[in-house]
Amino acid sequence: MTFETIETDRLILQKLDPKTMRTIFKLNNDQEIKKILGVDDEELVRQKKINQHGYESYNQSMMNFKIVEKQSNTIIGNCGFHTWNPQHHRAEIGYALNSDEFKNKGYMKEALEKVIEFGFQEMELNRIEGLIDENNTPSKKLLEHFGFTREGNLRGHYLVDGIFEDSVLYSLLKSEFKKK
């Protein structure tokens, strides 16, 4: 399968828009899907549910990228946008690395610069929001590196293991973005 890509020095970001995701699920079995997406059994189950209900309706819409490390050709994580509201030119950014072995190497910083740029240029976003746990210091530093501004707390915003947790809301406007 051929993906639209964005390249950095060390990474290839492969675009996983709703159309691509539907094609992946239509043409491949579970093992192939796990390999293509670089996910485990638990995440495969979650992605199957989203696929059944339609990616366009999941958090309004999404634009995601899998992150492939060039040297090893290993899928190391994903990043992109969900809760995309084209009418109001805003979306929420999300990102994750698959394993601790890929953390603290600057991979996510490298990927997010291109993804944020893609959001402002290709998706015509004016505002990108980031919602994080108060105690997630690496995520806080990452957002602040790109100039995101802390706007406040959203109380009882996420249900995690049966407990409602707060989120910290950060935002970045197109006029504030400067490539690092």
Protein backbone atom coordinates (compact mmCIF):
# COMPACT_ATOMS: atom_id res chain seq x y z
CA MET A 1 0.00 0.00 0.00
CA THR A 2 1.29 3.47 -0.90
CA PHE A 3 0.93 6.32 1.59
CA GLU A 4 1.21 10.05 1.16
CA THR A 5 4.30 10.96 3.18
CA ILE A 6 6.13 13.81 4.83
CA GLU A 7 9.84 13.31 5.52
CA THR A 8 12.16 14.71 8.15
CA ASP A 9 15.84 13.96 8.67
CA ARG A 10 15.15 10.74 10.60
CA LEU A 11 11.45 10.05 10.07
CA ILE A 12 8.81 9.28 7.50
CA LEU A 13 5.30 10.40 8.43
CA GLN A 14 2.70 8.34 6.56
CA LYS A 15 -0.74 9.92 6.22
CA LEU A 16 -3.66 7.92 7.58
CA ASP A 17 -6.76 9.85 6.58
CA PRO A 18 -10.27 8.28 6.81
CA LYS A 19 -10.19 7.02 3.20
CA THR A 20 -6.80 5.32 3.73
CA MET A 21 -7.97 3.74 6.99
CA ARG A 22 -11.13 2.33 5.34
CA THR A 23 -8.96 0.85 2.58
CA ILE A 24 -6.55 -0.71 5.10
CA PHE A 25 -9.42 -2.42 6.93
CA LYS A 26 -11.14 -3.51 3.71
CA LEU A 27 -8.11 -5.11 2.06
CA ASN A 28 -6.21 -6.66 4.98
CA ASN A 29 -6.62 -9.24 7.72
CA ASP A 30 -5.98 -8.47 11.39
CA GLN A 31 -2.29 -9.44 11.34
CA GLU A 32 -1.63 -7.31 8.26
CA ILE A 33 -3.52 -4.37 9.77
CA LYS A 34 -1.46 -4.59 12.98
CA LYS A 35 1.73 -4.57 10.92
CA ILE A 36 0.62 -1.68 8.67
CA LEU A 37 -0.52 0.48 11.60
CA GLY A 38 2.16 -0.68 14.05
CA VAL A 39 -0.41 -1.46 16.75
CA ASP A 40 -0.95 -4.19 19.33
CA ASP A 41 -4.09 -6.32 19.81
CA GLU A 42 -5.75 -3.81 22.16
CA GLU A 43 -5.28 -0.87 19.80
CA LEU A 44 -6.47 -3.00 16.87
CA VAL A 45 -9.77 -3.62 18.68
CA ARG A 46 -10.13 0.13 19.30
CA GLN A 47 -9.36 0.99 15.68
CA LYS A 48 -11.85 -1.63 14.44
CA LYS A 49 -14.62 0.00 16.50
CA ILE A 50 -13.75 3.43 15.13
CA ASN A 51 -13.64 2.04 11.59
CA GLN A 52 -17.08 0.44 11.97
CA HIS A 53 -18.64 3.73 13.04
CA GLY A 54 -16.80 5.79 10.44
CA TYR A 55 -13.71 7.92 10.96
CA GLU A 56 -15.53 11.06 9.82
CA SER A 57 -17.92 10.81 12.76
CA TYR A 58 -15.24 9.83 15.30
CA ASN A 59 -14.43 13.06 17.14
CA GLN A 60 -15.93 14.85 14.12
CA SER A 61 -13.00 13.99 11.85
CA MET A 62 -9.32 13.06 11.96
CA MET A 63 -6.03 13.36 10.11
CA ASN A 64 -3.35 11.09 11.49
CA PHE A 65 0.19 10.06 10.60
CA LYS A 66 2.13 6.98 11.59
CA ILE A 67 5.73 7.73 12.45
CA VAL A 68 8.35 5.49 10.84
CA GLU A 69 12.00 5.70 11.84
CA LYS A 70 13.94 5.72 8.54
CA GLN A 71 17.08 3.86 9.63
CA SER A 72 15.26 0.78 10.97
CA ASN A 73 11.99 1.16 9.00
CA THR A 74 10.19 0.70 12.34
CA ILE A 75 6.84 2.25 13.20
CA ILE A 76 7.62 4.12 16.40
CA GLY A 77 4.37 5.99 17.03
CA ASN A 78 1.72 8.26 15.62
CA CYS A 79 0.65 11.87 15.68
CA GLY A 80 -1.98 14.00 14.08
CA PHE A 81 -5.31 15.69 14.56
CA HIS A 82 -8.68 14.62 15.85
CA THR A 83 -11.77 16.57 16.82
CA TRP A 84 -11.12 18.44 13.58
CA ASN A 85 -13.74 21.09 12.96
CA PRO A 86 -13.14 22.41 9.41
CA GLN A 87 -15.94 24.99 9.69
CA HIS A 88 -14.14 26.74 12.54
CA HIS A 89 -10.60 25.92 11.36
CA ARG A 90 -9.51 24.17 14.55
CA ALA A 91 -8.41 20.70 15.64
CA GLU A 92 -6.93 18.91 18.63
CA ILE A 93 -3.44 17.50 18.28
CA GLY A 94 -2.56 14.08 19.62
CA TYR A 95 0.66 12.07 19.68
CA ALA A 96 2.15 8.92 21.15
CA LEU A 97 5.29 6.82 20.90
CA ASN A 98 4.87 3.05 20.93
CA SER A 99 7.64 2.31 23.40
CA ASP A 100 9.87 3.97 26.00
CA GLU A 101 12.90 3.07 23.88
CA PHE A 102 11.92 5.82 21.42
CA LYS A 103 11.43 8.54 24.04
CA ASN A 104 13.92 11.32 24.85
CA LYS A 105 15.49 11.17 21.39
CA GLY A 106 13.69 14.15 19.86
CA TYR A 107 11.54 12.02 17.54
CA MET A 108 8.23 13.56 18.56
CA LYS A 109 9.61 17.09 18.37
CA GLU A 110 10.82 16.32 14.85
CA ALA A 111 7.47 14.84 13.82
CA LEU A 112 5.25 17.47 15.41
CA GLU A 113 6.97 20.37 13.69
CA LYS A 114 5.93 18.94 10.32
CA VAL A 115 2.46 17.92 11.52
CA ILE A 116 1.74 21.36 12.98
CA GLU A 117 2.96 22.95 9.76
CA PHE A 118 0.70 20.55 7.79
CA GLY A 119 -2.26 21.54 9.98
CA PHE A 120 -1.83 25.24 9.39
CA GLN A 121 -0.96 25.00 5.69
CA GLU A 122 -2.83 21.99 4.27
CA MET A 123 -5.80 21.74 6.64
CA GLU A 124 -6.12 25.53 6.84
CA LEU A 125 -6.30 25.48 10.63
CA ASN A 126 -6.23 28.72 12.58
CA ARG A 127 -6.11 27.06 16.01
CA ILE A 128 -4.55 23.84 17.28
CA GLU A 129 -5.48 22.66 20.75
CA GLY A 130 -3.58 20.27 22.98
CA LEU A 131 -5.18 18.60 25.99
CA ILE A 132 -2.83 16.95 28.46
CA ASP A 133 -2.70 15.56 31.97
CA GLU A 134 -1.36 18.10 34.48
CA ASN A 135 1.42 15.70 35.46
CA ASN A 136 2.59 14.93 31.92
CA THR A 137 5.75 17.07 32.03
CA PRO A 138 7.24 15.79 28.73
CA SER A 139 4.04 16.66 26.86
CA LYS A 140 3.86 20.06 28.53
CA LYS A 141 7.47 20.81 27.49
CA LEU A 142 6.77 19.62 23.95
CA LEU A 143 3.77 21.89 23.49
CA GLU A 144 5.56 24.85 25.06
CA HIS A 145 8.54 24.25 22.74
CA PHE A 146 6.27 25.05 19.79
CA GLY A 147 4.79 28.11 21.47
CA PHE A 148 1.50 26.68 22.73
CA THR A 149 -0.12 28.81 25.43
CA ARG A 150 -1.71 27.32 28.52
CA GLU A 151 -5.33 28.49 28.64
CA GLY A 152 -6.64 26.70 31.70
CA ASN A 153 -8.06 23.50 33.16
CA LEU A 154 -11.03 21.46 31.98
CA ARG A 155 -12.42 19.83 35.11
CA GLY A 156 -13.56 16.18 34.98
CA HIS A 157 -12.73 16.11 31.28
CA TYR A 158 -11.54 12.52 30.73
CA LEU A 159 -12.73 9.24 32.21
CA VAL A 160 -9.65 7.12 32.95
CA ASP A 161 -10.05 3.73 34.66
CA GLY A 162 -13.38 4.81 36.12
CA ILE A 163 -12.06 8.13 37.47
CA PHE A 164 -12.79 11.54 35.98
CA GLU A 165 -9.57 13.47 35.47
CA ASP A 166 -8.89 17.09 34.62
CA SER A 167 -7.14 18.19 31.43
CA VAL A 168 -4.94 21.19 30.86
CA LEU A 169 -5.85 23.06 27.67
CA TYR A 170 -3.09 24.51 25.50
CA SER A 171 -3.52 26.29 22.17
CA LEU A 172 -1.45 27.59 19.28
CA LEU A 173 -2.73 30.04 16.68
CA LYS A 174 -1.46 30.08 13.12
CA SER A 175 -0.16 33.63 13.62
CA GLU A 176 1.95 32.42 16.58
CA PHE A 177 3.61 29.43 14.91
CA LYS A 178 7.30 29.71 14.17
CA LYS A 179 9.23 26.76 12.79
CA LYS A 180 11.93 25.68 15.25
